[in-house]
Amino acid sequence: MVLAGDVGGTKTLLGLFTRDPRRPAVRVTKSYPTRDYRSLSALVDAFETDLGEALAVESVAIGLAGPVTGATARLTNVGWDVSADELGRRLGAPVRLLNDLEAMAHAVEILTPDEIVELQPGTPEPDGHAAVIAAGTGMGQAFLRRIDGRFTAFASEGGHADFAARTDREMELARQLRERYGRAEVEQVLSGPGLLNLHAFTHRGGECVLVTDLAASEAPAAVSRAGLGGRCQGCTEALRMFASAYGAEAGNLALRALARAGVYVGGGIAPKILPVLRSGVFMDAFLAKAPMGDLLSKIPVRVILNTEAALLGAAICAAQLPAD
């Protein structure tokens, strides 16, 4: 048995899986509010308590929403410091820490047809590279380089790169973001909090009765619902701006990775806003990169529906570790 984790800024998933390097089968998973716990060790303690039995695992892999340096990591939006050595001593098993998008990338090759939705079929190159982009509490990006015929996942912190405004409206948005944060970065637009930044921008400081008084964790979903339902013009514009900027950034990533084997759109937001992603606004922005439009038109673009893809990817990594 292996232990896998997907630690995000809002939610953490922990799960026990069979030790299968191809596709580990889940035995049990549990979800926890990340900020309700002081550390990853405290979360593991809670998981063990909920299981009602001592954790006995052969190996562990944890995907974390932040940069990983060797055997240590720090969550960007929570401020936790995580040590693989400390967790390994606690569990008596080898532990690997990896970026959460790197973990998600490990699951790409084994996703089944019912776990993805195609936005563009493209013409995938069997020997090509791929990339993963995911908006949730934060914005993550990862590369899948084809090495010796196999995908190898590489993490990045591309979500914290500069936001590239393309229109007069987006330039106005970027100016407001600079005034508020000191700089405009991708994550300030493409994430749950980013959608709220767009909402504030499209409402020009005015109130929105559909979102007012909601907790910050609930407000992005409310904006999405209102935008999809056409119940608020400002919410609809915010959601369309989000989808357009998402497509543009996915296209940027496709060019940087030369992702001829495909771009995968993961995270918690994409499956919830599929209608607007499939409306054309996402792909129009993805393709609007002359003189590279023809190249981009051949790249498959797929939305990952499996909301536990990063957890599954972490389980794959755990299964590949040598057992103590």
C-alpha atoms as a PDB file:
ATOM      1  CA  MET A   1       0.000   0.000   0.000  1.00  0.00           C
ATOM      2  CA  VAL A   2       1.175   3.549  -0.752  1.00  0.00           C
ATOM      3  CA  LEU A   3       0.114   6.924   0.608  1.00  0.00           C
ATOM      4  CA  ALA A   4      -0.515   9.795  -1.808  1.00  0.00           C
ATOM      5  CA  GLY A   5      -1.366  13.418  -1.150  1.00  0.00           C
ATOM      6  CA  ASP A   6      -2.473  16.485  -3.081  1.00  0.00           C
ATOM      7  CA  VAL A   7      -1.970  19.515  -0.855  1.00  0.00           C
ATOM      8  CA  GLY A   8      -3.565  22.690  -2.170  1.00  0.00           C
ATOM      9  CA  GLY A   9      -4.127  26.156  -0.801  1.00  0.00           C
ATOM     10  CA  THR A  10      -7.754  25.381   0.030  1.00  0.00           C
ATOM     11  CA  LYS A  11      -8.160  21.606   0.109  1.00  0.00           C
ATOM     12  CA  THR A  12      -5.934  18.608   0.778  1.00  0.00           C
ATOM     13  CA  LEU A  13      -6.639  15.101  -0.478  1.00  0.00           C
ATOM     14  CA  LEU A  14      -4.945  12.114   1.132  1.00  0.00           C
ATOM     15  CA  GLY A  15      -5.404   8.576  -0.105  1.00  0.00           C
ATOM     16  CA  LEU A  16      -4.252   4.993   0.235  1.00  0.00           C
ATOM     17  CA  PHE A  17      -3.639   3.129  -3.025  1.00  0.00           C
ATOM     18  CA  THR A  18      -2.498  -0.308  -4.103  1.00  0.00           C
ATOM     19  CA  ARG A  19       1.136  -0.437  -5.149  1.00  0.00           C
ATOM     20  CA  ASP A  20       0.703  -0.545  -8.943  1.00  0.00           C
ATOM     21  CA  PRO A  21       3.151   1.562 -11.006  1.00  0.00           C
ATOM     22  CA  ARG A  22       0.730   1.731 -13.969  1.00  0.00           C
ATOM     23  CA  ARG A  23      -2.509   2.878 -12.302  1.00  0.00           C
ATOM     24  CA  PRO A  24      -2.722   2.377  -8.547  1.00  0.00           C
ATOM     25  CA  ALA A  25      -6.236   1.493  -7.397  1.00  0.00           C
ATOM     26  CA  VAL A  26      -7.676   3.646  -4.651  1.00  0.00           C
ATOM     27  CA  ARG A  27      -8.529   2.043  -1.339  1.00  0.00           C
ATOM     28  CA  VAL A  28      -9.700   5.175   0.463  1.00  0.00           C
ATOM     29  CA  THR A  29      -9.420   8.947   0.047  1.00  0.00           C
ATOM     30  CA  LYS A  30     -10.294  11.761   2.416  1.00  0.00           C
ATOM     31  CA  SER A  31     -10.541  15.508   1.949  1.00  0.00           C
ATOM     32  CA  TYR A  32      -9.488  18.145   4.486  1.00  0.00           C
ATOM     33  CA  PRO A  33      -9.546  21.969   4.600  1.00  0.00           C
ATOM     34  CA  THR A  34      -5.832  22.737   4.394  1.00  0.00           C
ATOM     35  CA  ARG A  35      -5.903  25.869   6.526  1.00  0.00           C
ATOM     36  CA  ASP A  36      -7.608  24.041   9.401  1.00  0.00           C
ATOM     37  CA  TYR A  37      -4.307  22.291  10.144  1.00  0.00           C
ATOM     38  CA  ARG A  38      -0.961  23.648  11.262  1.00  0.00           C
ATOM     39  CA  SER A  39       1.167  21.249   9.195  1.00  0.00           C
ATOM     40  CA  LEU A  40       1.178  18.290   6.841  1.00  0.00           C
ATOM     41  CA  SER A  41       2.050  16.021   9.762  1.00  0.00           C
ATOM     42  CA  ALA A  42      -1.102  17.172  11.557  1.00  0.00           C
ATOM     43  CA  LEU A  43      -3.115  16.312   8.434  1.00  0.00           C
ATOM     44  CA  VAL A  44      -1.558  12.848   8.268  1.00  0.00           C
ATOM     45  CA  ASP A  45      -2.436  12.374  11.949  1.00  0.00           C
ATOM     46  CA  ALA A  46      -6.056  13.300  11.191  1.00  0.00           C
ATOM     47  CA  PHE A  47      -6.104  10.887   8.244  1.00  0.00           C
ATOM     48  CA  GLU A  48      -4.791   8.072  10.434  1.00  0.00           C
ATOM     49  CA  THR A  49      -7.424   8.844  13.076  1.00  0.00           C
ATOM     50  CA  ASP A  50     -10.189   8.803  10.454  1.00  0.00           C
ATOM     51  CA  LEU A  51      -8.948   5.454   9.140  1.00  0.00           C
ATOM     52  CA  GLY A  52      -9.147   3.979  12.619  1.00  0.00           C
ATOM     53  CA  GLU A  53      -5.888   2.101  12.163  1.00  0.00           C
ATOM     54  CA  ALA A  54      -2.170   2.788  12.112  1.00  0.00           C
ATOM     55  CA  LEU A  55      -0.771   3.809   8.742  1.00  0.00           C
ATOM     56  CA  ALA A  56       1.434   1.048   7.338  1.00  0.00           C
ATOM     57  CA  VAL A  57       2.667   2.090   3.907  1.00  0.00           C
ATOM     58  CA  GLU A  58       5.608   1.100   1.736  1.00  0.00           C
ATOM     59  CA  SER A  59       6.170   4.523   0.153  1.00  0.00           C
ATOM     60  CA  VAL A  60       4.725   8.030   0.012  1.00  0.00           C
ATOM     61  CA  ALA A  61       4.455  10.822  -2.552  1.00  0.00           C
ATOM     62  CA  ILE A  62       2.920  14.216  -1.856  1.00  0.00           C
ATOM     63  CA  GLY A  63       2.063  16.852  -4.452  1.00  0.00           C
ATOM     64  CA  LEU A  64       2.194  20.373  -3.034  1.00  0.00           C
ATOM     65  CA  ALA A  65       1.055  23.743  -4.369  1.00  0.00           C
ATOM     66  CA  GLY A  66       4.461  25.395  -4.219  1.00  0.00           C
ATOM     67  CA  PRO A  67       8.098  25.005  -5.228  1.00  0.00           C
ATOM     68  CA  VAL A  68       9.949  21.885  -4.135  1.00  0.00           C
ATOM     69  CA  THR A  69      13.682  21.964  -3.430  1.00  0.00           C
ATOM     70  CA  GLY A  70      15.125  18.536  -2.891  1.00  0.00           C
ATOM     71  CA  ALA A  71      13.469  17.055   0.183  1.00  0.00           C
ATOM     72  CA  THR A  72      11.758  20.278   1.310  1.00  0.00           C
ATOM     73  CA  ALA A  73       8.912  22.430   0.066  1.00  0.00           C
ATOM     74  CA  ARG A  74       6.957  25.525   1.019  1.00  0.00           C
ATOM     75  CA  LEU A  75       3.300  26.032   0.118  1.00  0.00           C
ATOM     76  CA  THR A  76       2.904  29.346  -1.670  1.00  0.00           C
ATOM     77  CA  ASN A  77      -0.579  30.289  -0.475  1.00  0.00           C
ATOM     78  CA  VAL A  78      -0.491  28.687   2.972  1.00  0.00           C
ATOM     79  CA  GLY A  79       3.040  29.198   4.270  1.00  0.00           C
ATOM     80  CA  TRP A  80       3.710  25.658   5.439  1.00  0.00           C
ATOM     81  CA  ASP A  81       7.211  24.229   5.356  1.00  0.00           C
ATOM     82  CA  VAL A  82       7.236  20.515   4.529  1.00  0.00           C
ATOM     83  CA  SER A  83      10.123  18.079   5.024  1.00  0.00           C
ATOM     84  CA  ALA A  84      10.227  14.687   3.307  1.00  0.00           C
ATOM     85  CA  ASP A  85      12.735  13.440   5.883  1.00  0.00           C
ATOM     86  CA  GLU A  86      10.466  14.396   8.785  1.00  0.00           C
ATOM     87  CA  LEU A  87       7.432  12.742   7.204  1.00  0.00           C
ATOM     88  CA  GLY A  88       9.513   9.697   6.312  1.00  0.00           C
ATOM     89  CA  ARG A  89      10.557   9.252   9.934  1.00  0.00           C
ATOM     90  CA  ARG A  90       6.930   9.636  11.013  1.00  0.00           C
ATOM     91  CA  LEU A  91       5.715   6.938   8.597  1.00  0.00           C
ATOM     92  CA  GLY A  92       8.785   4.727   8.364  1.00  0.00           C
ATOM     93  CA  ALA A  93       8.725   4.864   4.556  1.00  0.00           C
ATOM     94  CA  PRO A  94      10.519   6.707   1.726  1.00  0.00           C
ATOM     95  CA  VAL A  95       8.825  10.002   0.831  1.00  0.00           C
ATOM     96  CA  ARG A  96       8.944  12.039  -2.357  1.00  0.00           C
ATOM     97  CA  LEU A  97       7.725  15.634  -2.499  1.00  0.00           C
ATOM     98  CA  LEU A  98       6.731  17.109  -5.844  1.00  0.00           C
ATOM     99  CA  ASN A  99       4.902  20.120  -7.166  1.00  0.00           C
ATOM    100  CA  ASP A 100       1.157  19.509  -7.492  1.00  0.00           C
ATOM    101  CA  LEU A 101       1.144  20.158 -11.263  1.00  0.00           C
ATOM    102  CA  GLU A 102       4.101  17.835 -11.662  1.00  0.00           C
ATOM    103  CA  ALA A 103       1.997  15.229  -9.844  1.00  0.00           C
ATOM    104  CA  MET A 104      -0.964  15.891 -12.142  1.00  0.00           C
ATOM    105  CA  ALA A 105       1.286  15.538 -15.171  1.00  0.00           C
ATOM    106  CA  HIS A 106       2.179  11.990 -14.094  1.00  0.00           C
ATOM    107  CA  ALA A 107      -1.485  11.009 -14.486  1.00  0.00           C
ATOM    108  CA  VAL A 108      -1.966  12.370 -18.027  1.00  0.00           C
ATOM    109  CA  GLU A 109      -0.994   9.212 -19.910  1.00  0.00           C
ATOM    110  CA  ILE A 110      -3.388   6.943 -17.998  1.00  0.00           C
ATOM    111  CA  LEU A 111      -6.530   9.090 -18.056  1.00  0.00           C
ATOM    112  CA  THR A 112      -9.468   7.228 -19.584  1.00  0.00           C
ATOM    113  CA  PRO A 113     -11.766   8.734 -22.259  1.00  0.00           C
ATOM    114  CA  ASP A 114     -14.464   9.480 -19.675  1.00  0.00           C
ATOM    115  CA  GLU A 115     -11.945  11.482 -17.618  1.00  0.00           C
ATOM    116  CA  ILE A 116     -11.263  14.083 -20.320  1.00  0.00           C
ATOM    117  CA  VAL A 117     -13.215  16.391 -22.626  1.00  0.00           C
ATOM    118  CA  GLU A 118     -11.740  17.495 -25.931  1.00  0.00           C
ATOM    119  CA  LEU A 119     -11.734  21.175 -26.850  1.00  0.00           C
ATOM    120  CA  GLN A 120      -9.628  20.612 -29.970  1.00  0.00           C
ATOM    121  CA  PRO A 121      -8.781  17.194 -31.461  1.00  0.00           C
ATOM    122  CA  GLY A 122      -5.625  18.386 -33.179  1.00  0.00           C
ATOM    123  CA  THR A 123      -3.166  15.977 -34.744  1.00  0.00           C
ATOM    124  CA  PRO A 124      -1.018  14.669 -31.901  1.00  0.00           C
ATOM    125  CA  GLU A 125       2.579  13.732 -32.613  1.00  0.00           C
ATOM    126  CA  PRO A 126       3.443  10.377 -31.024  1.00  0.00           C
ATOM    127  CA  ASP A 127       6.941  11.593 -30.178  1.00  0.00           C
ATOM    128  CA  GLY A 128       5.866  15.100 -29.132  1.00  0.00           C
ATOM    129  CA  HIS A 129       5.984  16.887 -25.803  1.00  0.00           C
ATOM    130  CA  ALA A 130       2.925  17.890 -23.758  1.00  0.00           C
ATOM    131  CA  ALA A 131       1.969  20.392 -21.060  1.00  0.00           C
ATOM    132  CA  VAL A 132      -0.499  20.774 -18.201  1.00  0.00           C
ATOM    133  CA  ILE A 133      -2.127  23.983 -16.970  1.00  0.00           C
ATOM    134  CA  ALA A 134      -4.532  24.202 -14.047  1.00  0.00           C
ATOM    135  CA  ALA A 135      -6.419  27.022 -12.344  1.00  0.00           C
ATOM    136  CA  GLY A 136      -7.780  26.480  -8.847  1.00  0.00           C
ATOM    137  CA  THR A 137      -6.875  28.245  -5.634  1.00  0.00           C
ATOM    138  CA  GLY A 138      -3.703  29.125  -7.539  1.00  0.00           C
ATOM    139  CA  MET A 139      -2.427  28.690 -11.099  1.00  0.00           C
ATOM    140  CA  GLY A 140      -0.061  25.857 -11.933  1.00  0.00           C
ATOM    141  CA  GLN A 141       1.803  24.769 -15.036  1.00  0.00           C
ATOM    142  CA  ALA A 142       4.006  21.780 -15.828  1.00  0.00           C
ATOM    143  CA  PHE A 143       5.879  20.355 -18.791  1.00  0.00           C
ATOM    144  CA  LEU A 144       5.943  16.789 -20.074  1.00  0.00           C
ATOM    145  CA  ARG A 145       9.115  16.253 -22.075  1.00  0.00           C
ATOM    146  CA  ARG A 146       9.399  13.148 -24.235  1.00  0.00           C
ATOM    147  CA  ILE A 147      12.688  11.501 -23.273  1.00  0.00           C
ATOM    148  CA  ASP A 148      13.648   8.085 -24.664  1.00  0.00           C
ATOM    149  CA  GLY A 149      10.063   7.616 -25.804  1.00  0.00           C
ATOM    150  CA  ARG A 150       8.482   8.327 -22.429  1.00  0.00           C
ATOM    151  CA  PHE A 151       7.013  11.402 -20.780  1.00  0.00           C
ATOM    152  CA  THR A 152       9.049  12.943 -17.981  1.00  0.00           C
ATOM    153  CA  ALA A 153       7.281  15.589 -15.882  1.00  0.00           C
ATOM    154  CA  PHE A 154       8.934  18.887 -14.995  1.00  0.00           C
ATOM    155  CA  ALA A 155       7.508  21.407 -12.557  1.00  0.00           C
ATOM    156  CA  SER A 156       7.378  25.158 -13.066  1.00  0.00           C
ATOM    157  CA  GLU A 157       6.172  28.271 -11.285  1.00  0.00           C
ATOM    158  CA  GLY A 158       4.641  29.657 -14.473  1.00  0.00           C
ATOM    159  CA  GLY A 159       1.552  30.826 -12.622  1.00  0.00           C
ATOM    160  CA  HIS A 160       3.654  33.560 -11.068  1.00  0.00           C
ATOM    161  CA  ALA A 161       4.977  34.809 -14.401  1.00  0.00           C
ATOM    162  CA  ASP A 162       3.815  38.193 -15.681  1.00  0.00           C
ATOM    163  CA  PHE A 163       0.259  38.461 -16.985  1.00  0.00           C
ATOM    164  CA  ALA A 164       0.365  39.261 -20.718  1.00  0.00           C
ATOM    165  CA  ALA A 165      -2.477  41.673 -21.488  1.00  0.00           C
ATOM    166  CA  ARG A 166      -3.685  41.413 -25.100  1.00  0.00           C
ATOM    167  CA  THR A 167      -6.526  43.928 -25.357  1.00  0.00           C
ATOM    168  CA  ASP A 168      -7.246  47.445 -24.158  1.00  0.00           C
ATOM    169  CA  ARG A 169      -9.615  45.950 -21.565  1.00  0.00           C
ATOM    170  CA  GLU A 170      -6.950  43.577 -20.268  1.00  0.00           C
ATOM    171  CA  MET A 171      -4.403  46.405 -20.194  1.00  0.00           C
ATOM    172  CA  GLU A 172      -6.762  48.351 -17.957  1.00  0.00           C
ATOM    173  CA  LEU A 173      -7.095  45.246 -15.780  1.00  0.00           C
ATOM    174  CA  ALA A 174      -3.303  44.850 -15.624  1.00  0.00           C
ATOM    175  CA  ARG A 175      -2.952  48.485 -14.554  1.00  0.00           C
ATOM    176  CA  GLN A 176      -5.400  47.935 -11.691  1.00  0.00           C
ATOM    177  CA  LEU A 177      -3.602  44.757 -10.643  1.00  0.00           C
ATOM    178  CA  ARG A 178      -0.264  46.619 -10.611  1.00  0.00           C
ATOM    179  CA  GLU A 179      -1.771  49.329  -8.450  1.00  0.00           C
ATOM    180  CA  ARG A 180      -3.071  46.735  -5.991  1.00  0.00           C
ATOM    181  CA  TYR A 181      -0.275  44.142  -5.944  1.00  0.00           C
ATOM    182  CA  GLY A 182       2.776  45.955  -7.342  1.00  0.00           C
ATOM    183  CA  ARG A 183       2.813  43.746 -10.435  1.00  0.00           C
ATOM    184  CA  ALA A 184       0.318  41.799 -12.542  1.00  0.00           C
ATOM    185  CA  GLU A 185       0.918  38.049 -12.581  1.00  0.00           C
ATOM    186  CA  VAL A 186      -0.964  35.217 -14.235  1.00  0.00           C
ATOM    187  CA  GLU A 187      -2.328  33.804 -10.976  1.00  0.00           C
ATOM    188  CA  GLN A 188      -3.982  37.130 -10.136  1.00  0.00           C
ATOM    189  CA  VAL A 189      -6.246  36.542 -13.152  1.00  0.00           C
ATOM    190  CA  LEU A 190      -6.383  32.756 -13.578  1.00  0.00           C
ATOM    191  CA  SER A 191      -7.365  31.277 -10.220  1.00  0.00           C
ATOM    192  CA  GLY A 192     -10.298  31.428  -7.829  1.00  0.00           C
ATOM    193  CA  PRO A 193      -9.013  34.702  -6.311  1.00  0.00           C
ATOM    194  CA  GLY A 194      -8.193  35.820  -9.856  1.00  0.00           C
ATOM    195  CA  LEU A 195     -11.816  35.365 -10.891  1.00  0.00           C
ATOM    196  CA  LEU A 196     -12.760  37.626  -7.974  1.00  0.00           C
ATOM    197  CA  ASN A 197     -10.263  40.219  -9.249  1.00  0.00           C
ATOM    198  CA  LEU A 198     -12.017  40.044 -12.618  1.00  0.00           C
ATOM    199  CA  HIS A 199     -15.392  40.297 -10.892  1.00  0.00           C
ATOM    200  CA  ALA A 200     -14.321  43.456  -9.058  1.00  0.00           C
ATOM    201  CA  PHE A 201     -12.972  44.860 -12.325  1.00  0.00           C
ATOM    202  CA  THR A 202     -16.134  44.218 -14.351  1.00  0.00           C
ATOM    203  CA  HIS A 203     -18.330  45.638 -11.597  1.00  0.00           C
ATOM    204  CA  ARG A 204     -16.150  48.759 -11.358  1.00  0.00           C
ATOM    205  CA  GLY A 205     -16.260  48.717  -7.591  1.00  0.00           C
ATOM    206  CA  GLY A 206     -20.043  48.325  -7.471  1.00  0.00           C
ATOM    207  CA  GLU A 207     -21.802  45.632  -5.463  1.00  0.00           C
ATOM    208  CA  CYS A 208     -23.097  42.364  -6.885  1.00  0.00           C
ATOM    209  CA  VAL A 209     -25.988  40.973  -4.884  1.00  0.00           C
ATOM    210  CA  LEU A 210     -25.130  37.449  -6.057  1.00  0.00           C
ATOM    211  CA  VAL A 211     -21.692  37.542  -4.438  1.00  0.00           C
ATOM    212  CA  THR A 212     -21.933  40.098  -1.607  1.00  0.00           C
ATOM    213  CA  ASP A 213     -21.396  38.642   1.884  1.00  0.00           C
ATOM    214  CA  LEU A 214     -20.175  35.261   0.609  1.00  0.00           C
ATOM    215  CA  ALA A 215     -16.999  33.793   2.068  1.00  0.00           C
ATOM    216  CA  ALA A 216     -13.934  34.152  -0.162  1.00  0.00           C
ATOM    217  CA  SER A 217     -13.880  30.377  -0.673  1.00  0.00           C
ATOM    218  CA  GLU A 218     -17.482  30.374  -1.948  1.00  0.00           C
ATOM    219  CA  ALA A 219     -17.465  33.554  -4.041  1.00  0.00           C
ATOM    220  CA  PRO A 220     -15.610  32.286  -7.169  1.00  0.00           C
ATOM    221  CA  ALA A 221     -18.138  29.472  -7.643  1.00  0.00           C
ATOM    222  CA  ALA A 222     -20.978  31.979  -7.224  1.00  0.00           C
ATOM    223  CA  VAL A 223     -19.458  34.217  -9.903  1.00  0.00           C
ATOM    224  CA  SER A 224     -19.156  31.206 -12.230  1.00  0.00           C
ATOM    225  CA  ARG A 225     -22.758  30.156 -11.658  1.00  0.00           C
ATOM    226  CA  ALA A 226     -24.063  33.680 -12.179  1.00  0.00           C
ATOM    227  CA  GLY A 227     -21.943  34.082 -15.309  1.00  0.00           C
ATOM    228  CA  LEU A 228     -23.011  30.752 -16.782  1.00  0.00           C
ATOM    229  CA  GLY A 229     -26.651  31.456 -16.011  1.00  0.00           C
ATOM    230  CA  GLY A 230     -26.569  34.976 -17.436  1.00  0.00           C
ATOM    231  CA  ARG A 231     -28.023  36.359 -14.207  1.00  0.00           C
ATOM    232  CA  CYS A 232     -25.477  39.165 -13.914  1.00  0.00           C
ATOM    233  CA  GLN A 233     -23.899  41.026 -16.816  1.00  0.00           C
ATOM    234  CA  GLY A 234     -20.742  41.802 -14.829  1.00  0.00           C
ATOM    235  CA  CYS A 235     -20.357  38.147 -13.777  1.00  0.00           C
ATOM    236  CA  THR A 236     -20.850  37.030 -17.378  1.00  0.00           C
ATOM    237  CA  GLU A 237     -18.153  39.421 -18.582  1.00  0.00           C
ATOM    238  CA  ALA A 238     -15.800  38.354 -15.784  1.00  0.00           C
ATOM    239  CA  LEU A 239     -16.253  34.683 -16.708  1.00  0.00           C
ATOM    240  CA  ARG A 240     -15.689  35.338 -20.415  1.00  0.00           C
ATOM    241  CA  MET A 241     -12.564  37.390 -19.653  1.00  0.00           C
ATOM    242  CA  PHE A 242     -11.374  34.510 -17.471  1.00  0.00           C
ATOM    243  CA  ALA A 243     -11.953  31.912 -20.201  1.00  0.00           C
ATOM    244  CA  SER A 244     -10.279  34.089 -22.842  1.00  0.00           C
ATOM    245  CA  ALA A 245      -7.226  34.773 -20.673  1.00  0.00           C
ATOM    246  CA  TYR A 246      -7.106  31.054 -19.786  1.00  0.00           C
ATOM    247  CA  GLY A 247      -7.038  30.094 -23.462  1.00  0.00           C
ATOM    248  CA  ALA A 248      -4.367  32.686 -24.211  1.00  0.00           C
ATOM    249  CA  GLU A 249      -2.136  31.448 -21.377  1.00  0.00           C
ATOM    250  CA  ALA A 250      -2.678  27.820 -22.422  1.00  0.00           C
ATOM    251  CA  GLY A 251      -1.544  28.834 -25.908  1.00  0.00           C
ATOM    252  CA  ASN A 252       1.524  30.546 -24.448  1.00  0.00           C
ATOM    253  CA  LEU A 253       2.366  27.352 -22.572  1.00  0.00           C
ATOM    254  CA  ALA A 254       1.828  25.264 -25.714  1.00  0.00           C
ATOM    255  CA  LEU A 255       4.368  27.408 -27.559  1.00  0.00           C
ATOM    256  CA  ARG A 256       6.905  27.369 -24.730  1.00  0.00           C
ATOM    257  CA  ALA A 257       6.654  23.594 -24.347  1.00  0.00           C
ATOM    258  CA  LEU A 258       6.164  22.945 -28.075  1.00  0.00           C
ATOM    259  CA  ALA A 259       3.417  20.652 -26.816  1.00  0.00           C
ATOM    260  CA  ARG A 260       2.641  18.798 -30.052  1.00  0.00           C
ATOM    261  CA  ALA A 261       1.305  15.811 -28.080  1.00  0.00           C
ATOM    262  CA  GLY A 262      -1.287  17.917 -26.292  1.00  0.00           C
ATOM    263  CA  VAL A 263      -2.189  20.527 -23.711  1.00  0.00           C
ATOM    264  CA  TYR A 264      -4.196  19.321 -20.717  1.00  0.00           C
ATOM    265  CA  VAL A 265      -6.339  21.758 -18.735  1.00  0.00           C
ATOM    266  CA  GLY A 266      -6.746  20.581 -15.140  1.00  0.00           C
ATOM    267  CA  GLY A 267      -7.688  22.080 -11.806  1.00  0.00           C
ATOM    268  CA  GLY A 268     -10.975  22.544 -10.047  1.00  0.00           C
ATOM    269  CA  ILE A 269     -12.350  25.414 -12.119  1.00  0.00           C
ATOM    270  CA  ALA A 270     -12.280  24.082 -15.698  1.00  0.00           C
ATOM    271  CA  PRO A 271     -14.815  21.234 -15.269  1.00  0.00           C
ATOM    272  CA  LYS A 272     -17.247  23.659 -13.623  1.00  0.00           C
ATOM    273  CA  ILE A 273     -17.161  26.184 -16.476  1.00  0.00           C
ATOM    274  CA  LEU A 274     -17.135  23.745 -19.408  1.00  0.00           C
ATOM    275  CA  PRO A 275     -19.947  25.540 -21.277  1.00  0.00           C
ATOM    276  CA  VAL A 276     -17.959  28.770 -21.570  1.00  0.00           C
ATOM    277  CA  LEU A 277     -14.736  26.874 -22.357  1.00  0.00           C
ATOM    278  CA  ARG A 278     -16.550  25.023 -25.158  1.00  0.00           C
ATOM    279  CA  SER A 279     -18.217  28.196 -26.473  1.00  0.00           C
ATOM    280  CA  GLY A 280     -15.134  29.073 -28.526  1.00  0.00           C
ATOM    281  CA  VAL A 281     -13.787  31.912 -26.401  1.00  0.00           C
ATOM    282  CA  PHE A 282     -11.033  29.691 -24.918  1.00  0.00           C
ATOM    283  CA  MET A 283      -9.872  28.209 -28.216  1.00  0.00           C
ATOM    284  CA  ASP A 284     -10.099  31.528 -30.084  1.00  0.00           C
ATOM    285  CA  ALA A 285      -7.595  32.983 -27.630  1.00  0.00           C
ATOM    286  CA  PHE A 286      -5.474  29.806 -27.702  1.00  0.00           C
ATOM    287  CA  LEU A 287      -5.105  30.032 -31.499  1.00  0.00           C
ATOM    288  CA  ALA A 288      -4.719  33.807 -31.869  1.00  0.00           C
ATOM    289  CA  LYS A 289      -0.927  33.741 -32.002  1.00  0.00           C
ATOM    290  CA  ALA A 290       0.117  34.548 -35.558  1.00  0.00           C
ATOM    291  CA  PRO A 291       2.330  33.388 -37.138  1.00  0.00           C
ATOM    292  CA  MET A 292       1.963  30.224 -35.011  1.00  0.00           C
ATOM    293  CA  GLY A 293      -1.778  29.672 -35.464  1.00  0.00           C
ATOM    294  CA  ASP A 294      -1.321  26.717 -37.811  1.00  0.00           C
ATOM    295  CA  LEU A 295       1.051  24.972 -35.386  1.00  0.00           C
ATOM    296  CA  LEU A 296      -1.369  25.528 -32.494  1.00  0.00           C
ATOM    297  CA  SER A 297      -4.331  24.246 -34.525  1.00  0.00           C
ATOM    298  CA  LYS A 298      -2.664  20.816 -34.654  1.00  0.00           C
ATOM    299  CA  ILE A 299      -2.203  20.563 -30.865  1.00  0.00           C
ATOM    300  CA  PRO A 300      -4.856  18.527 -29.006  1.00  0.00           C
ATOM    301  CA  VAL A 301      -6.426  20.463 -26.145  1.00  0.00           C
ATOM    302  CA  ARG A 302      -8.229  18.484 -23.444  1.00  0.00           C
ATOM    303  CA  VAL A 303      -9.927  19.329 -20.159  1.00  0.00           C
ATOM    304  CA  ILE A 304      -9.264  16.898 -17.306  1.00  0.00           C
ATOM    305  CA  LEU A 305     -12.557  15.964 -15.631  1.00  0.00           C
ATOM    306  CA  ASN A 306     -10.998  13.777 -12.937  1.00  0.00           C
ATOM    307  CA  THR A 307     -10.705  16.230 -10.038  1.00  0.00           C
ATOM    308  CA  GLU A 308      -8.346  13.814  -8.262  1.00  0.00           C
ATOM    309  CA  ALA A 309      -5.851  13.591 -11.132  1.00  0.00           C
ATOM    310  CA  ALA A 310      -3.045  15.147  -9.061  1.00  0.00           C
ATOM    311  CA  LEU A 311      -3.692  12.662  -6.255  1.00  0.00           C
ATOM    312  CA  LEU A 312      -3.603   9.815  -8.768  1.00  0.00           C
ATOM    313  CA  GLY A 313      -0.351  11.154 -10.210  1.00  0.00           C
ATOM    314  CA  ALA A 314       1.160  11.298  -6.721  1.00  0.00           C
ATOM    315  CA  ALA A 315       0.076   7.681  -6.166  1.00  0.00           C
ATOM    316  CA  ILE A 316       1.879   6.686  -9.393  1.00  0.00           C
ATOM    317  CA  CYS A 317       5.033   8.376  -8.119  1.00  0.00           C
ATOM    318  CA  ALA A 318       4.709   6.666  -4.747  1.00  0.00           C
ATOM    319  CA  ALA A 319       4.291   3.279  -6.428  1.00  0.00           C
ATOM    320  CA  GLN A 320       7.504   3.860  -8.388  1.00  0.00           C
ATOM    321  CA  LEU A 321       9.561   4.501  -5.249  1.00  0.00           C
ATOM    322  CA  PRO A 322      11.543   1.599  -3.792  1.00  0.00           C
ATOM    323  CA  ALA A 323       9.883   0.263  -0.665  1.00  0.00           C
ATOM    324  CA  ASP A 324      11.842   0.225   2.578  1.00  0.00           C
END
